[in-house]
Amino acid sequence: MFKVERISPNRLDIEFGGKLDSEAMAVALDSLVEKSVGISNGRMLFDVARYELPTLGAFKVELSQMPRMFRFIRQFRRAAVLADAGWLKTASEIEGLLIPGLEIKAFARSEREAAETWLDSPMS
């Protein structure tokens, strides 16, 4: 499952869970790009209900779309990740350290309100 919703001029909410195959990954990436048209200094809220590694085919699709995904990610400055798995929260924050200009902070899924408050707070 992968759902993208644009909830304001500069924010996307993304829900996902389960395993993505190559077809689902292509649809997901298209949806991200489509819903982000015109966003600058954006914010994202990822709600990870149940994470499973994507299939090998999905990884291939993602790799083939890397230039487009780099353009997409440059539209955003902050991302909150809602996840219950500790390793996933840690991995998300490490990813934020590796992507220049994007601050990522992880929260437990029960902390949605805190995540939204952080997303809406002024950036330093």
N, C-alpha and C. Protein backbone atom coordinates (compact mmCIF):
# COMPACT_ATOMS: atom_id res chain seq x y z
N MET A 1 0.83 -1.17 0.00
CA MET A 1 0.00 0.00 0.00
C MET A 1 0.88 1.24 0.00
N PHE A 2 0.55 2.19 -0.87
CA PHE A 2 1.29 3.44 -0.96
C PHE A 2 0.31 4.52 -1.37
N LYS A 3 0.16 5.53 -0.53
CA LYS A 3 -0.81 6.58 -0.79
C LYS A 3 -0.14 7.93 -0.56
N VAL A 4 -0.31 8.85 -1.52
CA VAL A 4 0.25 10.19 -1.41
C VAL A 4 -0.90 11.19 -1.48
N GLU A 5 -0.91 12.11 -0.53
CA GLU A 5 -1.95 13.13 -0.51
C GLU A 5 -1.29 14.49 -0.29
N ARG A 6 -1.65 15.45 -1.11
CA ARG A 6 -1.16 16.82 -0.93
C ARG A 6 -2.17 17.53 -0.04
N ILE A 7 -1.75 17.87 1.17
CA ILE A 7 -2.72 18.42 2.12
C ILE A 7 -2.61 19.94 2.26
N SER A 8 -1.58 20.53 1.69
CA SER A 8 -1.43 21.99 1.68
C SER A 8 -0.51 22.35 0.52
N PRO A 9 -0.35 23.64 0.25
CA PRO A 9 0.50 24.03 -0.88
C PRO A 9 1.94 23.52 -0.80
N ASN A 10 2.43 23.24 0.43
CA ASN A 10 3.83 22.81 0.53
C ASN A 10 3.99 21.51 1.34
N ARG A 11 2.94 20.71 1.45
CA ARG A 11 3.07 19.48 2.25
C ARG A 11 2.42 18.28 1.59
N LEU A 12 3.17 17.17 1.64
CA LEU A 12 2.65 15.87 1.22
C LEU A 12 2.58 14.96 2.43
N ASP A 13 1.51 14.19 2.52
CA ASP A 13 1.41 13.11 3.49
C ASP A 13 1.48 11.81 2.72
N ILE A 14 2.38 10.92 3.14
CA ILE A 14 2.61 9.66 2.46
C ILE A 14 2.39 8.53 3.44
N GLU A 15 1.54 7.60 3.08
CA GLU A 15 1.30 6.41 3.89
C GLU A 15 1.78 5.20 3.10
N PHE A 16 2.53 4.33 3.79
CA PHE A 16 2.86 3.08 3.12
C PHE A 16 3.08 1.97 4.11
N GLY A 17 2.91 0.77 3.59
CA GLY A 17 3.10 -0.42 4.39
C GLY A 17 3.08 -1.63 3.48
N GLY A 18 3.74 -2.65 3.89
CA GLY A 18 3.80 -3.86 3.07
C GLY A 18 4.93 -3.81 2.07
N LYS A 19 4.89 -4.74 1.14
CA LYS A 19 5.97 -4.90 0.16
C LYS A 19 5.59 -4.24 -1.16
N LEU A 20 6.51 -3.48 -1.74
CA LEU A 20 6.30 -2.89 -3.05
C LEU A 20 7.02 -3.73 -4.10
N ASP A 21 6.30 -4.07 -5.18
CA ASP A 21 6.95 -4.73 -6.31
C ASP A 21 7.26 -3.66 -7.35
N SER A 22 7.78 -4.06 -8.51
CA SER A 22 8.22 -3.08 -9.50
C SER A 22 7.06 -2.21 -10.00
N GLU A 23 5.91 -2.81 -10.22
CA GLU A 23 4.76 -2.05 -10.70
C GLU A 23 4.29 -1.04 -9.65
N ALA A 24 4.18 -1.47 -8.41
CA ALA A 24 3.75 -0.58 -7.33
C ALA A 24 4.76 0.53 -7.10
N MET A 25 6.05 0.22 -7.24
CA MET A 25 7.09 1.24 -7.06
C MET A 25 6.97 2.30 -8.16
N ALA A 26 6.76 1.90 -9.39
CA ALA A 26 6.62 2.86 -10.49
C ALA A 26 5.43 3.78 -10.25
N VAL A 27 4.31 3.21 -9.82
CA VAL A 27 3.12 4.01 -9.53
C VAL A 27 3.40 4.96 -8.36
N ALA A 28 4.08 4.48 -7.33
CA ALA A 28 4.39 5.30 -6.16
C ALA A 28 5.28 6.48 -6.52
N LEU A 29 6.32 6.24 -7.29
CA LEU A 29 7.23 7.32 -7.66
C LEU A 29 6.52 8.34 -8.55
N ASP A 30 5.70 7.86 -9.49
CA ASP A 30 4.92 8.77 -10.33
C ASP A 30 3.99 9.64 -9.48
N SER A 31 3.36 9.04 -8.50
CA SER A 31 2.44 9.77 -7.63
C SER A 31 3.17 10.83 -6.82
N LEU A 32 4.34 10.50 -6.30
CA LEU A 32 5.14 11.48 -5.54
C LEU A 32 5.47 12.69 -6.41
N VAL A 33 5.94 12.44 -7.62
CA VAL A 33 6.33 13.53 -8.50
C VAL A 33 5.11 14.35 -8.91
N GLU A 34 4.04 13.68 -9.27
CA GLU A 34 2.82 14.36 -9.70
C GLU A 34 2.24 15.25 -8.60
N LYS A 35 2.18 14.74 -7.40
CA LYS A 35 1.57 15.50 -6.29
C LYS A 35 2.48 16.61 -5.78
N SER A 36 3.76 16.60 -6.15
CA SER A 36 4.69 17.60 -5.64
C SER A 36 4.92 18.76 -6.60
N VAL A 37 4.25 18.77 -7.74
CA VAL A 37 4.44 19.84 -8.71
C VAL A 37 4.17 21.20 -8.05
N GLY A 38 5.14 22.10 -8.19
CA GLY A 38 4.99 23.46 -7.66
C GLY A 38 5.39 23.64 -6.21
N ILE A 39 5.76 22.58 -5.53
CA ILE A 39 6.17 22.70 -4.12
C ILE A 39 7.61 23.20 -4.05
N SER A 40 7.85 24.13 -3.13
CA SER A 40 9.22 24.53 -2.80
C SER A 40 9.27 24.70 -1.29
N ASN A 41 10.43 24.44 -0.72
CA ASN A 41 10.58 24.46 0.74
C ASN A 41 9.51 23.60 1.40
N GLY A 42 9.25 22.45 0.82
CA GLY A 42 8.17 21.60 1.25
C GLY A 42 8.48 20.77 2.48
N ARG A 43 7.41 20.12 2.93
CA ARG A 43 7.47 19.25 4.09
C ARG A 43 6.71 17.97 3.77
N MET A 44 7.18 16.87 4.32
CA MET A 44 6.54 15.57 4.10
C MET A 44 6.32 14.88 5.43
N LEU A 45 5.21 14.17 5.51
CA LEU A 45 4.92 13.33 6.67
C LEU A 45 4.77 11.90 6.15
N PHE A 46 5.69 11.03 6.53
CA PHE A 46 5.65 9.61 6.15
C PHE A 46 5.07 8.82 7.30
N ASP A 47 4.02 8.07 7.03
CA ASP A 47 3.43 7.18 8.03
C ASP A 47 3.70 5.75 7.56
N VAL A 48 4.62 5.09 8.25
CA VAL A 48 5.03 3.74 7.86
C VAL A 48 4.32 2.75 8.76
N ALA A 49 3.25 2.16 8.24
CA ALA A 49 2.43 1.25 9.02
C ALA A 49 3.12 -0.10 9.23
N ARG A 50 3.67 -0.64 8.19
CA ARG A 50 4.33 -1.95 8.26
C ARG A 50 5.35 -2.00 7.13
N TYR A 51 6.61 -1.90 7.45
CA TYR A 51 7.65 -1.85 6.42
C TYR A 51 8.12 -3.24 6.07
N GLU A 52 8.20 -3.49 4.78
CA GLU A 52 8.84 -4.69 4.26
C GLU A 52 9.77 -4.25 3.15
N LEU A 53 10.90 -4.90 3.01
CA LEU A 53 11.82 -4.55 1.94
C LEU A 53 11.12 -4.70 0.59
N PRO A 54 11.32 -3.72 -0.30
CA PRO A 54 10.76 -3.85 -1.65
C PRO A 54 11.41 -5.02 -2.38
N THR A 55 10.76 -5.48 -3.43
CA THR A 55 11.32 -6.55 -4.24
C THR A 55 12.53 -6.03 -5.00
N LEU A 56 13.31 -6.95 -5.54
CA LEU A 56 14.47 -6.56 -6.36
C LEU A 56 14.03 -5.73 -7.55
N GLY A 57 12.91 -6.11 -8.15
CA GLY A 57 12.38 -5.34 -9.27
C GLY A 57 12.03 -3.91 -8.88
N ALA A 58 11.50 -3.73 -7.67
CA ALA A 58 11.17 -2.39 -7.19
C ALA A 58 12.44 -1.57 -7.00
N PHE A 59 13.50 -2.18 -6.48
CA PHE A 59 14.78 -1.48 -6.35
C PHE A 59 15.30 -1.04 -7.71
N LYS A 60 15.16 -1.89 -8.71
CA LYS A 60 15.61 -1.54 -10.06
C LYS A 60 14.83 -0.34 -10.59
N VAL A 61 13.53 -0.31 -10.37
CA VAL A 61 12.71 0.83 -10.80
C VAL A 61 13.18 2.09 -10.09
N GLU A 62 13.40 1.99 -8.79
CA GLU A 62 13.84 3.16 -8.02
C GLU A 62 15.19 3.66 -8.53
N LEU A 63 16.12 2.77 -8.77
CA LEU A 63 17.43 3.17 -9.28
C LEU A 63 17.32 3.83 -10.65
N SER A 64 16.44 3.32 -11.49
CA SER A 64 16.28 3.90 -12.82
C SER A 64 15.67 5.30 -12.77
N GLN A 65 15.02 5.63 -11.66
CA GLN A 65 14.36 6.92 -11.50
C GLN A 65 15.15 7.90 -10.62
N MET A 66 16.39 7.56 -10.29
CA MET A 66 17.16 8.39 -9.36
C MET A 66 17.29 9.85 -9.78
N PRO A 67 17.60 10.18 -11.04
CA PRO A 67 17.68 11.61 -11.38
C PRO A 67 16.37 12.35 -11.09
N ARG A 68 15.27 11.74 -11.41
CA ARG A 68 13.96 12.35 -11.16
C ARG A 68 13.70 12.46 -9.65
N MET A 69 14.13 11.47 -8.89
CA MET A 69 13.92 11.50 -7.44
C MET A 69 14.80 12.55 -6.77
N PHE A 70 16.01 12.79 -7.31
CA PHE A 70 16.85 13.85 -6.76
C PHE A 70 16.21 15.21 -6.99
N ARG A 71 15.60 15.42 -8.16
CA ARG A 71 14.88 16.68 -8.41
C ARG A 71 13.70 16.81 -7.45
N PHE A 72 12.98 15.70 -7.24
CA PHE A 72 11.84 15.69 -6.33
C PHE A 72 12.27 16.07 -4.91
N ILE A 73 13.31 15.43 -4.40
CA ILE A 73 13.70 15.62 -3.01
C ILE A 73 14.20 17.04 -2.75
N ARG A 74 14.74 17.70 -3.77
CA ARG A 74 15.22 19.08 -3.60
C ARG A 74 14.08 20.07 -3.36
N GLN A 75 12.86 19.65 -3.59
CA GLN A 75 11.70 20.51 -3.35
C GLN A 75 11.33 20.56 -1.87
N PHE A 76 11.95 19.71 -1.06
CA PHE A 76 11.56 19.57 0.34
C PHE A 76 12.70 19.92 1.28
N ARG A 77 12.33 20.47 2.44
CA ARG A 77 13.32 20.87 3.44
C ARG A 77 13.18 20.06 4.73
N ARG A 78 12.01 19.46 4.94
CA ARG A 78 11.79 18.77 6.22
C ARG A 78 10.87 17.58 5.98
N ALA A 79 11.19 16.47 6.68
CA ALA A 79 10.36 15.27 6.61
C ALA A 79 10.25 14.65 8.00
N ALA A 80 9.03 14.30 8.37
CA ALA A 80 8.79 13.58 9.63
C ALA A 80 8.41 12.16 9.25
N VAL A 81 9.00 11.20 9.95
CA VAL A 81 8.72 9.79 9.70
C VAL A 81 8.05 9.21 10.94
N LEU A 82 6.85 8.67 10.74
CA LEU A 82 6.13 7.98 11.81
C LEU A 82 6.36 6.49 11.63
N ALA A 83 7.00 5.87 12.60
CA ALA A 83 7.30 4.43 12.51
C ALA A 83 7.44 3.89 13.93
N ASP A 84 7.10 2.64 14.09
CA ASP A 84 7.25 2.02 15.41
C ASP A 84 8.55 1.22 15.54
N ALA A 85 9.11 0.80 14.43
CA ALA A 85 10.36 0.03 14.47
C ALA A 85 11.54 0.97 14.74
N GLY A 86 12.26 0.70 15.81
CA GLY A 86 13.40 1.54 16.18
C GLY A 86 14.44 1.66 15.09
N TRP A 87 14.75 0.55 14.43
CA TRP A 87 15.77 0.59 13.38
C TRP A 87 15.34 1.46 12.21
N LEU A 88 14.03 1.50 11.93
CA LEU A 88 13.53 2.31 10.83
C LEU A 88 13.61 3.80 11.17
N LYS A 89 13.33 4.14 12.42
CA LYS A 89 13.46 5.53 12.85
C LYS A 89 14.92 5.97 12.77
N THR A 90 15.82 5.12 13.23
CA THR A 90 17.25 5.45 13.17
C THR A 90 17.72 5.59 11.73
N ALA A 91 17.33 4.65 10.88
CA ALA A 91 17.72 4.70 9.46
C ALA A 91 17.20 5.98 8.80
N SER A 92 16.00 6.39 9.15
CA SER A 92 15.41 7.60 8.56
C SER A 92 16.23 8.83 8.94
N GLU A 93 16.61 8.92 10.20
CA GLU A 93 17.38 10.09 10.63
C GLU A 93 18.79 10.08 10.04
N ILE A 94 19.38 8.92 9.87
CA ILE A 94 20.69 8.83 9.20
C ILE A 94 20.57 9.27 7.75
N GLU A 95 19.48 8.86 7.10
CA GLU A 95 19.25 9.28 5.71
C GLU A 95 19.19 10.81 5.62
N GLY A 96 18.57 11.43 6.62
CA GLY A 96 18.50 12.88 6.64
C GLY A 96 19.87 13.54 6.72
N LEU A 97 20.80 12.89 7.38
CA LEU A 97 22.16 13.42 7.46
C LEU A 97 22.89 13.32 6.13
N LEU A 98 22.46 12.40 5.29
CA LEU A 98 23.12 12.16 4.00
C LEU A 98 22.54 12.97 2.84
N ILE A 99 21.38 13.59 3.07
CA ILE A 99 20.72 14.36 2.00
C ILE A 99 20.84 15.84 2.34
N PRO A 100 21.69 16.56 1.63
CA PRO A 100 21.87 17.98 1.92
C PRO A 100 20.55 18.74 1.76
N GLY A 101 20.27 19.62 2.73
CA GLY A 101 19.10 20.47 2.65
C GLY A 101 17.81 19.84 3.13
N LEU A 102 17.84 18.57 3.53
CA LEU A 102 16.63 17.90 4.01
C LEU A 102 16.84 17.44 5.45
N GLU A 103 16.01 17.94 6.34
CA GLU A 103 16.05 17.55 7.74
C GLU A 103 14.98 16.48 7.97
N ILE A 104 15.38 15.34 8.52
CA ILE A 104 14.44 14.25 8.78
C ILE A 104 14.44 13.96 10.28
N LYS A 105 13.25 13.85 10.84
CA LYS A 105 13.11 13.51 12.25
C LYS A 105 12.09 12.39 12.36
N ALA A 106 12.40 11.38 13.17
CA ALA A 106 11.53 10.22 13.32
C ALA A 106 10.74 10.30 14.62
N PHE A 107 9.52 9.79 14.55
CA PHE A 107 8.60 9.77 15.69
C PHE A 107 7.91 8.41 15.73
N ALA A 108 7.44 8.02 16.91
CA ALA A 108 6.59 6.82 17.00
C ALA A 108 5.27 7.15 16.31
N ARG A 109 4.60 6.14 15.80
CA ARG A 109 3.33 6.39 15.11
C ARG A 109 2.30 7.02 16.02
N SER A 110 2.41 6.81 17.30
CA SER A 110 1.48 7.42 18.27
C SER A 110 1.77 8.90 18.50
N GLU A 111 2.86 9.41 17.94
CA GLU A 111 3.28 10.80 18.14
C GLU A 111 2.97 11.69 16.93
N ARG A 112 1.92 11.38 16.21
CA ARG A 112 1.59 12.13 14.98
C ARG A 112 1.46 13.63 15.26
N GLU A 113 0.79 13.99 16.34
CA GLU A 113 0.60 15.41 16.65
C GLU A 113 1.94 16.12 16.85
N ALA A 114 2.86 15.49 17.56
CA ALA A 114 4.19 16.06 17.77
C ALA A 114 4.93 16.19 16.44
N ALA A 115 4.79 15.20 15.57
CA ALA A 115 5.45 15.25 14.26
C ALA A 115 4.90 16.41 13.43
N GLU A 116 3.59 16.60 13.45
CA GLU A 116 2.99 17.69 12.69
C GLU A 116 3.39 19.05 13.25
N THR A 117 3.50 19.15 14.57
CA THR A 117 3.96 20.40 15.19
C THR A 117 5.39 20.70 14.75
N TRP A 118 6.24 19.69 14.75
CA TRP A 118 7.62 19.88 14.32
C TRP A 118 7.68 20.28 12.84
N LEU A 119 6.89 19.61 12.00
CA LEU A 119 6.87 19.96 10.58
C LEU A 119 6.49 21.41 10.35
N ASP A 120 5.53 21.90 11.13
CA ASP A 120 5.02 23.26 10.95
C ASP A 120 5.86 24.33 11.64
N SER A 121 6.81 23.92 12.47
CA SER A 121 7.63 24.91 13.18
C SER A 121 8.63 25.57 12.24
N PRO A 122 9.06 26.78 12.59
CA PRO A 122 10.03 27.49 11.73
C PRO A 122 11.33 26.67 11.61
N MET A 123 11.90 26.72 10.44
CA MET A 123 13.17 26.02 10.21
C MET A 123 14.32 26.94 10.55
N SER A 124 15.37 26.34 11.08
CA SER A 124 16.54 27.14 11.45
C SER A 124 17.45 27.37 10.29
